[in-house]
């Protein structure tokens, strides 16, 4: 599997983590979440979960209001909640 925009694949023989990392930065704020293969059962399932979460985050961020070019605290909290609930 190959990495995609905002999704990076981690597969190292010596590392304890194998899976996908979602990382998106907008308006000075970075959101990161790891989707391990062990938790989701396989690389394809963890990728699917990461892609669903990425779409939700992008939808939220692109429609959000900005204050002085930055995301509002409410938008950041909503995005963090989406990341925390990602299954």
PDB file of N, CA and C in Angstrom:
ATOM      1  N   UNK A   1       0.830  -1.176   0.000  1.00  0.00           N
ATOM      2  CA  UNK A   1       0.000   0.000   0.000  1.00  0.00           C
ATOM      3  C   UNK A   1       0.877   1.242   0.000  1.00  0.00           C
ATOM      4  N   UNK A   2       0.425   2.232  -0.723  1.00  0.00           N
ATOM      5  CA  UNK A   2       1.197   3.449  -0.886  1.00  0.00           C
ATOM      6  C   UNK A   2       0.545   4.600  -0.131  1.00  0.00           C
ATOM      7  N   UNK A   3       1.361   5.477   0.406  1.00  0.00           N
ATOM      8  CA  UNK A   3       0.851   6.642   1.127  1.00  0.00           C
ATOM      9  C   UNK A   3       0.062   7.544   0.193  1.00  0.00           C
ATOM     10  N   UNK A   4      -0.881   8.279   0.777  1.00  0.00           N
ATOM     11  CA  UNK A   4      -1.718   9.210   0.035  1.00  0.00           C
ATOM     12  C   UNK A   4      -1.615  10.568   0.698  1.00  0.00           C
ATOM     13  N   UNK A   5      -2.183  11.570   0.068  1.00  0.00           N
ATOM     14  CA  UNK A   5      -2.141  12.922   0.637  1.00  0.00           C
ATOM     15  C   UNK A   5      -2.825  12.912   2.006  1.00  0.00           C
ATOM     16  N   UNK A   6      -2.162  13.401   3.011  1.00  0.00           N
ATOM     17  CA  UNK A   6      -2.604  13.481   4.401  1.00  0.00           C
ATOM     18  C   UNK A   6      -2.655  12.127   5.107  1.00  0.00           C
ATOM     19  N   UNK A   7      -2.312  11.049   4.431  1.00  0.00           N
ATOM     20  CA  UNK A   7      -2.273   9.718   5.033  1.00  0.00           C
ATOM     21  C   UNK A   7      -0.919   9.086   4.729  1.00  0.00           C
ATOM     22  N   UNK A   8      -0.210   8.691   5.763  1.00  0.00           N
ATOM     23  CA  UNK A   8       1.120   8.109   5.602  1.00  0.00           C
ATOM     24  C   UNK A   8       1.109   6.690   6.145  1.00  0.00           C
ATOM     25  N   UNK A   9       1.675   5.768   5.388  1.00  0.00           N
ATOM     26  CA  UNK A   9       1.754   4.369   5.802  1.00  0.00           C
ATOM     27  C   UNK A   9       3.055   4.144   6.552  1.00  0.00           C
ATOM     28  N   UNK A  10       2.963   3.509   7.726  1.00  0.00           N
ATOM     29  CA  UNK A  10       4.133   3.139   8.514  1.00  0.00           C
ATOM     30  C   UNK A  10       4.232   1.624   8.536  1.00  0.00           C
ATOM     31  N   UNK A  11       5.283   1.095   7.927  1.00  0.00           N
ATOM     32  CA  UNK A  11       5.538  -0.348   7.969  1.00  0.00           C
ATOM     33  C   UNK A  11       7.045  -0.548   8.101  1.00  0.00           C
ATOM     34  N   UNK A  12       7.490  -0.615   9.306  1.00  0.00           N
ATOM     35  CA  UNK A  12       8.893  -0.823   9.587  1.00  0.00           C
ATOM     36  C   UNK A  12       9.053  -2.141  10.341  1.00  0.00           C
ATOM     37  N   UNK A  13      10.026  -2.916   9.977  1.00  0.00           N
ATOM     38  CA  UNK A  13      10.251  -4.199  10.634  1.00  0.00           C
ATOM     39  C   UNK A  13      10.632  -4.032  12.098  1.00  0.00           C
ATOM     40  N   UNK A  14      11.383  -2.999  12.412  1.00  0.00           N
ATOM     41  CA  UNK A  14      11.875  -2.808  13.777  1.00  0.00           C
ATOM     42  C   UNK A  14      10.953  -1.953  14.649  1.00  0.00           C
ATOM     43  N   UNK A  15       9.907  -1.378  14.058  1.00  0.00           N
ATOM     44  CA  UNK A  15       9.027  -0.490  14.817  1.00  0.00           C
ATOM     45  C   UNK A  15       7.874  -1.265  15.458  1.00  0.00           C
ATOM     46  N   UNK A  16       7.390  -0.754  16.560  1.00  0.00           N
ATOM     47  CA  UNK A  16       6.272  -1.385  17.252  1.00  0.00           C
ATOM     48  C   UNK A  16       4.944  -1.019  16.580  1.00  0.00           C
ATOM     49  N   UNK A  17       4.915   0.053  15.796  1.00  0.00           N
ATOM     50  CA  UNK A  17       3.675   0.517  15.174  1.00  0.00           C
ATOM     51  C   UNK A  17       3.668   0.204  13.681  1.00  0.00           C
ATOM     52  N   UNK A  18       2.583  -0.381  13.232  1.00  0.00           N
ATOM     53  CA  UNK A  18       2.335  -0.551  11.804  1.00  0.00           C
ATOM     54  C   UNK A  18       0.907  -0.110  11.550  1.00  0.00           C
ATOM     55  N   UNK A  19       0.735   0.789  10.615  1.00  0.00           N
ATOM     56  CA  UNK A  19      -0.593   1.288  10.302  1.00  0.00           C
ATOM     57  C   UNK A  19      -0.518   2.594   9.546  1.00  0.00           C
ATOM     58  N   UNK A  20      -1.574   3.387   9.665  1.00  0.00           N
ATOM     59  CA  UNK A  20      -1.690   4.653   8.948  1.00  0.00           C
ATOM     60  C   UNK A  20      -1.718   5.824   9.920  1.00  0.00           C
ATOM     61  N   UNK A  21      -1.117   6.922   9.486  1.00  0.00           N
ATOM     62  CA  UNK A  21      -1.153   8.158  10.267  1.00  0.00           C
ATOM     63  C   UNK A  21      -1.875   9.216   9.445  1.00  0.00           C
ATOM     64  N   UNK A  22      -2.919   9.780  10.023  1.00  0.00           N
ATOM     65  CA  UNK A  22      -3.633  10.881   9.406  1.00  0.00           C
ATOM     66  C   UNK A  22      -3.030  12.159   9.970  1.00  0.00           C
ATOM     67  N   UNK A  23      -2.613  13.049   9.111  1.00  0.00           N
ATOM     68  CA  UNK A  23      -2.050  14.326   9.557  1.00  0.00           C
ATOM     69  C   UNK A  23      -2.496  15.404   8.581  1.00  0.00           C
ATOM     70  N   UNK A  24      -3.249  16.371   9.096  1.00  0.00           N
ATOM     71  CA  UNK A  24      -3.742  17.455   8.253  1.00  0.00           C
ATOM     72  C   UNK A  24      -3.523  18.782   8.981  1.00  0.00           C
ATOM     73  N   UNK A  25      -2.998  19.750   8.263  1.00  0.00           N
ATOM     74  CA  UNK A  25      -2.750  21.081   8.830  1.00  0.00           C
ATOM     75  C   UNK A  25      -3.528  22.118   8.045  1.00  0.00           C
ATOM     76  N   UNK A  26      -4.242  22.937   8.778  1.00  0.00           N
ATOM     77  CA  UNK A  26      -4.983  24.036   8.173  1.00  0.00           C
ATOM     78  C   UNK A  26      -4.966  25.215   9.130  1.00  0.00           C
ATOM     79  N   UNK A  27      -4.748  26.391   8.577  1.00  0.00           N
ATOM     80  CA  UNK A  27      -4.846  27.653   9.321  1.00  0.00           C
ATOM     81  C   UNK A  27      -4.050  27.629  10.621  1.00  0.00           C
ATOM     82  N   UNK A  28      -2.862  27.063  10.592  1.00  0.00           N
ATOM     83  CA  UNK A  28      -1.987  27.075  11.757  1.00  0.00           C
ATOM     84  C   UNK A  28      -2.254  25.998  12.786  1.00  0.00           C
ATOM     85  N   UNK A  29      -3.165  25.070  12.502  1.00  0.00           N
ATOM     86  CA  UNK A  29      -3.482  23.993  13.440  1.00  0.00           C
ATOM     87  C   UNK A  29      -3.246  22.649  12.754  1.00  0.00           C
ATOM     88  N   UNK A  30      -2.594  21.734  13.459  1.00  0.00           N
ATOM     89  CA  UNK A  30      -2.324  20.399  12.923  1.00  0.00           C
ATOM     90  C   UNK A  30      -3.109  19.368  13.709  1.00  0.00           C
ATOM     91  N   UNK A  31      -3.749  18.471  12.968  1.00  0.00           N
ATOM     92  CA  UNK A  31      -4.500  17.370  13.568  1.00  0.00           C
ATOM     93  C   UNK A  31      -3.844  16.061  13.158  1.00  0.00           C
ATOM     94  N   UNK A  32      -3.577  15.196  14.136  1.00  0.00           N
ATOM     95  CA  UNK A  32      -2.896  13.927  13.878  1.00  0.00           C
ATOM     96  C   UNK A  32      -3.610  12.803  14.616  1.00  0.00           C
ATOM     97  N   UNK A  33      -3.743  11.669  13.940  1.00  0.00           N
ATOM     98  CA  UNK A  33      -4.340  10.479  14.557  1.00  0.00           C
ATOM     99  C   UNK A  33      -3.698   9.258  13.902  1.00  0.00           C
ATOM    100  N   UNK A  34      -3.398   8.251  14.729  1.00  0.00           N
ATOM    101  CA  UNK A  34      -2.823   7.011  14.228  1.00  0.00           C
ATOM    102  C   UNK A  34      -3.896   5.935  14.151  1.00  0.00           C
ATOM    103  N   UNK A  35      -3.869   5.148  13.092  1.00  0.00           N
ATOM    104  CA  UNK A  35      -4.803   4.054  12.868  1.00  0.00           C
ATOM    105  C   UNK A  35      -4.005   2.755  12.739  1.00  0.00           C
ATOM    106  N   UNK A  36      -3.776   2.059  13.860  1.00  0.00           N
ATOM    107  CA  UNK A  36      -2.937   0.850  13.835  1.00  0.00           C
ATOM    108  C   UNK A  36      -3.654  -0.344  13.213  1.00  0.00           C
ATOM    109  N   UNK A  37      -2.881  -1.150  12.483  1.00  0.00           N
ATOM    110  CA  UNK A  37      -3.413  -2.362  11.863  1.00  0.00           C
ATOM    111  C   UNK A  37      -3.933  -3.340  12.917  1.00  0.00           C
ATOM    112  N   UNK A  38      -3.265  -3.418  14.064  1.00  0.00           N
ATOM    113  CA  UNK A  38      -3.681  -4.348  15.114  1.00  0.00           C
ATOM    114  C   UNK A  38      -5.093  -4.039  15.603  1.00  0.00           C
ATOM    115  N   UNK A  39      -5.409  -2.783  15.755  1.00  0.00           N
ATOM    116  CA  UNK A  39      -6.725  -2.385  16.261  1.00  0.00           C
ATOM    117  C   UNK A  39      -7.826  -2.641  15.232  1.00  0.00           C
ATOM    118  N   UNK A  40      -7.532  -2.397  13.962  1.00  0.00           N
ATOM    119  CA  UNK A  40      -8.547  -2.498  12.922  1.00  0.00           C
ATOM    120  C   UNK A  40      -8.544  -3.846  12.199  1.00  0.00           C
ATOM    121  N   UNK A  41      -7.552  -4.668  12.417  1.00  0.00           N
ATOM    122  CA  UNK A  41      -7.534  -6.009  11.850  1.00  0.00           C
ATOM    123  C   UNK A  41      -6.667  -6.190  10.624  1.00  0.00           C
ATOM    124  N   UNK A  42      -6.492  -5.144   9.830  1.00  0.00           N
ATOM    125  CA  UNK A  42      -5.638  -5.243   8.641  1.00  0.00           C
ATOM    126  C   UNK A  42      -5.300  -3.845   8.141  1.00  0.00           C
ATOM    127  N   UNK A  43      -4.369  -3.789   7.213  1.00  0.00           N
ATOM    128  CA  UNK A  43      -3.972  -2.509   6.638  1.00  0.00           C
ATOM    129  C   UNK A  43      -5.096  -1.850   5.857  1.00  0.00           C
ATOM    130  N   UNK A  44      -5.893  -2.656   5.162  1.00  0.00           N
ATOM    131  CA  UNK A  44      -7.000  -2.109   4.375  1.00  0.00           C
ATOM    132  C   UNK A  44      -8.088  -1.533   5.264  1.00  0.00           C
ATOM    133  N   UNK A  45      -8.374  -2.213   6.368  1.00  0.00           N
ATOM    134  CA  UNK A  45      -9.407  -1.727   7.283  1.00  0.00           C
ATOM    135  C   UNK A  45      -8.961  -0.459   8.002  1.00  0.00           C
ATOM    136  N   UNK A  46      -7.694  -0.395   8.388  1.00  0.00           N
ATOM    137  CA  UNK A  46      -7.197   0.818   9.050  1.00  0.00           C
ATOM    138  C   UNK A  46      -7.157   1.982   8.062  1.00  0.00           C
ATOM    139  N   UNK A  47      -6.831   1.706   6.803  1.00  0.00           N
ATOM    140  CA  UNK A  47      -6.847   2.751   5.774  1.00  0.00           C
ATOM    141  C   UNK A  47      -8.270   3.262   5.565  1.00  0.00           C
ATOM    142  N   UNK A  48      -9.240   2.362   5.508  1.00  0.00           N
ATOM    143  CA  UNK A  48     -10.638   2.767   5.313  1.00  0.00           C
ATOM    144  C   UNK A  48     -11.103   3.668   6.458  1.00  0.00           C
ATOM    145  N   UNK A  49     -10.758   3.317   7.684  1.00  0.00           N
ATOM    146  CA  UNK A  49     -11.137   4.136   8.845  1.00  0.00           C
ATOM    147  C   UNK A  49     -10.455   5.507   8.773  1.00  0.00           C
ATOM    148  N   UNK A  50      -9.202   5.526   8.374  1.00  0.00           N
ATOM    149  CA  UNK A  50      -8.463   6.787   8.259  1.00  0.00           C
ATOM    150  C   UNK A  50      -9.069   7.671   7.174  1.00  0.00           C
ATOM    151  N   UNK A  51      -9.464   7.079   6.058  1.00  0.00           N
ATOM    152  CA  UNK A  51     -10.049   7.862   4.970  1.00  0.00           C
ATOM    153  C   UNK A  51     -11.395   8.465   5.365  1.00  0.00           C
ATOM    154  N   UNK A  52     -12.218   7.712   6.074  1.00  0.00           N
ATOM    155  CA  UNK A  52     -13.511   8.220   6.530  1.00  0.00           C
ATOM    156  C   UNK A  52     -13.297   9.406   7.476  1.00  0.00           C
ATOM    157  N   UNK A  53     -12.368   9.253   8.400  1.00  0.00           N
ATOM    158  CA  UNK A  53     -12.080  10.325   9.355  1.00  0.00           C
ATOM    159  C   UNK A  53     -11.518  11.554   8.647  1.00  0.00           C
ATOM    160  N   UNK A  54     -10.653  11.344   7.659  1.00  0.00           N
ATOM    161  CA  UNK A  54     -10.073  12.452   6.903  1.00  0.00           C
ATOM    162  C   UNK A  54     -11.165  13.260   6.197  1.00  0.00           C
ATOM    163  N   UNK A  55     -12.123  12.591   5.596  1.00  0.00           N
ATOM    164  CA  UNK A  55     -13.220  13.281   4.911  1.00  0.00           C
ATOM    165  C   UNK A  55     -14.032  14.109   5.910  1.00  0.00           C
ATOM    166  N   UNK A  56     -14.307  13.548   7.087  1.00  0.00           N
ATOM    167  CA  UNK A  56     -15.061  14.275   8.112  1.00  0.00           C
ATOM    168  C   UNK A  56     -14.306  15.527   8.565  1.00  0.00           C
ATOM    169  N   UNK A  57     -13.014  15.379   8.805  1.00  0.00           N
ATOM    170  CA  UNK A  57     -12.189  16.515   9.246  1.00  0.00           C
ATOM    171  C   UNK A  57     -12.124  17.585   8.160  1.00  0.00           C
ATOM    172  N   UNK A  58     -11.894  17.187   6.912  1.00  0.00           N
ATOM    173  CA  UNK A  58     -11.812  18.157   5.815  1.00  0.00           C
ATOM    174  C   UNK A  58     -13.127  18.909   5.655  1.00  0.00           C
ATOM    175  N   UNK A  59     -14.238  18.195   5.741  1.00  0.00           N
ATOM    176  CA  UNK A  59     -15.549  18.827   5.619  1.00  0.00           C
ATOM    177  C   UNK A  59     -15.750  19.869   6.715  1.00  0.00           C
ATOM    178  N   UNK A  60     -15.391  19.513   7.931  1.00  0.00           N
ATOM    179  CA  UNK A  60     -15.516  20.437   9.054  1.00  0.00           C
ATOM    180  C   UNK A  60     -14.632  21.664   8.865  1.00  0.00           C
ATOM    181  N   UNK A  61     -13.382  21.452   8.528  1.00  0.00           N
ATOM    182  CA  UNK A  61     -12.421  22.547   8.430  1.00  0.00           C
ATOM    183  C   UNK A  61     -12.734  23.483   7.263  1.00  0.00           C
ATOM    184  N   UNK A  62     -13.086  22.925   6.120  1.00  0.00           N
ATOM    185  CA  UNK A  62     -13.325  23.759   4.944  1.00  0.00           C
ATOM    186  C   UNK A  62     -14.560  24.637   5.113  1.00  0.00           C
ATOM    187  N   UNK A  63     -15.544  24.187   5.895  1.00  0.00           N
ATOM    188  CA  UNK A  63     -16.749  24.979   6.101  1.00  0.00           C
ATOM    189  C   UNK A  63     -16.700  25.865   7.331  1.00  0.00           C
ATOM    190  N   UNK A  64     -15.584  25.859   8.037  1.00  0.00           N
ATOM    191  CA  UNK A  64     -15.482  26.587   9.299  1.00  0.00           C
ATOM    192  C   UNK A  64     -15.136  28.064   9.085  1.00  0.00           C
ATOM    193  N   UNK A  65     -15.621  28.870  10.006  1.00  0.00           N
ATOM    194  CA  UNK A  65     -15.259  30.289  10.001  1.00  0.00           C
ATOM    195  C   UNK A  65     -13.872  30.437  10.605  1.00  0.00           C
ATOM    196  N   UNK A  66     -13.200  31.493  10.206  1.00  0.00           N
ATOM    197  CA  UNK A  66     -11.859  31.757  10.728  1.00  0.00           C
ATOM    198  C   UNK A  66     -11.805  33.144  11.334  1.00  0.00           C
ATOM    199  N   UNK A  67     -11.005  33.261  12.367  1.00  0.00           N
ATOM    200  CA  UNK A  67     -10.803  34.540  13.023  1.00  0.00           C
ATOM    201  C   UNK A  67      -9.330  34.881  12.894  1.00  0.00           C
ATOM    202  N   UNK A  68      -9.041  35.982  12.256  1.00  0.00           N
ATOM    203  CA  UNK A  68      -7.659  36.401  11.992  1.00  0.00           C
ATOM    204  C   UNK A  68      -6.873  35.301  11.273  1.00  0.00           C
ATOM    205  N   UNK A  69      -7.525  34.567  10.380  1.00  0.00           N
ATOM    206  CA  UNK A  69      -6.864  33.522   9.603  1.00  0.00           C
ATOM    207  C   UNK A  69      -6.669  32.207  10.333  1.00  0.00           C
ATOM    208  N   UNK A  70      -7.134  32.113  11.560  1.00  0.00           N
ATOM    209  CA  UNK A  70      -6.989  30.896  12.370  1.00  0.00           C
ATOM    210  C   UNK A  70      -8.345  30.244  12.568  1.00  0.00           C
ATOM    211  N   UNK A  71      -8.333  28.934  12.809  1.00  0.00           N
ATOM    212  CA  UNK A  71      -9.564  28.229  13.120  1.00  0.00           C
ATOM    213  C   UNK A  71     -10.041  28.642  14.515  1.00  0.00           C
ATOM    214  N   UNK A  72     -11.352  28.669  14.708  1.00  0.00           N
ATOM    215  CA  UNK A  72     -11.885  29.026  16.014  1.00  0.00           C
ATOM    216  C   UNK A  72     -11.687  27.875  16.993  1.00  0.00           C
ATOM    217  N   UNK A  73     -11.733  28.181  18.282  1.00  0.00           N
ATOM    218  CA  UNK A  73     -11.557  27.161  19.321  1.00  0.00           C
ATOM    219  C   UNK A  73     -12.654  26.101  19.225  1.00  0.00           C
ATOM    220  N   UNK A  74     -13.854  26.510  18.860  1.00  0.00           N
ATOM    221  CA  UNK A  74     -14.965  25.568  18.725  1.00  0.00           C
ATOM    222  C   UNK A  74     -14.697  24.578  17.601  1.00  0.00           C
ATOM    223  N   UNK A  75     -14.186  25.050  16.483  1.00  0.00           N
ATOM    224  CA  UNK A  75     -13.877  24.175  15.358  1.00  0.00           C
ATOM    225  C   UNK A  75     -12.779  23.187  15.739  1.00  0.00           C
ATOM    226  N   UNK A  76     -11.769  23.658  16.448  1.00  0.00           N
ATOM    227  CA  UNK A  76     -10.673  22.784  16.879  1.00  0.00           C
ATOM    228  C   UNK A  76     -11.198  21.705  17.812  1.00  0.00           C
ATOM    229  N   UNK A  77     -12.073  22.076  18.734  1.00  0.00           N
ATOM    230  CA  UNK A  77     -12.652  21.090  19.658  1.00  0.00           C
ATOM    231  C   UNK A  77     -13.482  20.053  18.908  1.00  0.00           C
ATOM    232  N   UNK A  78     -14.252  20.505  17.918  1.00  0.00           N
ATOM    233  CA  UNK A  78     -15.066  19.574  17.122  1.00  0.00           C
ATOM    234  C   UNK A  78     -14.170  18.597  16.355  1.00  0.00           C
ATOM    235  N   UNK A  79     -13.083  19.097  15.790  1.00  0.00           N
ATOM    236  CA  UNK A  79     -12.159  18.243  15.043  1.00  0.00           C
ATOM    237  C   UNK A  79     -11.490  17.236  15.978  1.00  0.00           C
ATOM    238  N   UNK A  80     -11.107  17.684  17.159  1.00  0.00           N
ATOM    239  CA  UNK A  80     -10.481  16.770  18.138  1.00  0.00           C
ATOM    240  C   UNK A  80     -11.471  15.707  18.586  1.00  0.00           C
ATOM    241  N   UNK A  81     -12.747  16.062  18.681  1.00  0.00           N
ATOM    242  CA  UNK A  81     -13.770  15.093  19.059  1.00  0.00           C
ATOM    243  C   UNK A  81     -13.940  14.038  17.959  1.00  0.00           C
ATOM    244  N   UNK A  82     -13.922  14.473  16.705  1.00  0.00           N
ATOM    245  CA  UNK A  82     -14.008  13.534  15.579  1.00  0.00           C
ATOM    246  C   UNK A  82     -12.836  12.555  15.624  1.00  0.00           C
ATOM    247  N   UNK A  83     -11.644  13.068  15.892  1.00  0.00           N
ATOM    248  CA  UNK A  83     -10.453  12.214  15.952  1.00  0.00           C
ATOM    249  C   UNK A  83     -10.544  11.239  17.124  1.00  0.00           C
ATOM    250  N   UNK A  84     -11.049  11.701  18.260  1.00  0.00           N
ATOM    251  CA  UNK A  84     -11.150  10.843  19.442  1.00  0.00           C
ATOM    252  C   UNK A  84     -12.164   9.726  19.243  1.00  0.00           C
ATOM    253  N   UNK A  85     -13.224  10.003  18.490  1.00  0.00           N
ATOM    254  CA  UNK A  85     -14.274   9.021  18.267  1.00  0.00           C
ATOM    255  C   UNK A  85     -14.020   8.121  17.070  1.00  0.00           C
ATOM    256  N   UNK A  86     -12.956   8.369  16.327  1.00  0.00           N
ATOM    257  CA  UNK A  86     -12.653   7.560  15.143  1.00  0.00           C
ATOM    258  C   UNK A  86     -12.481   6.097  15.513  1.00  0.00           C
ATOM    259  N   UNK A  87     -13.252   5.283  14.818  1.00  0.00           N
ATOM    260  CA  UNK A  87     -13.201   3.840  15.115  1.00  0.00           C
ATOM    261  C   UNK A  87     -12.794   3.070  13.897  1.00  0.00           C
TER     262      UNK A  87
END
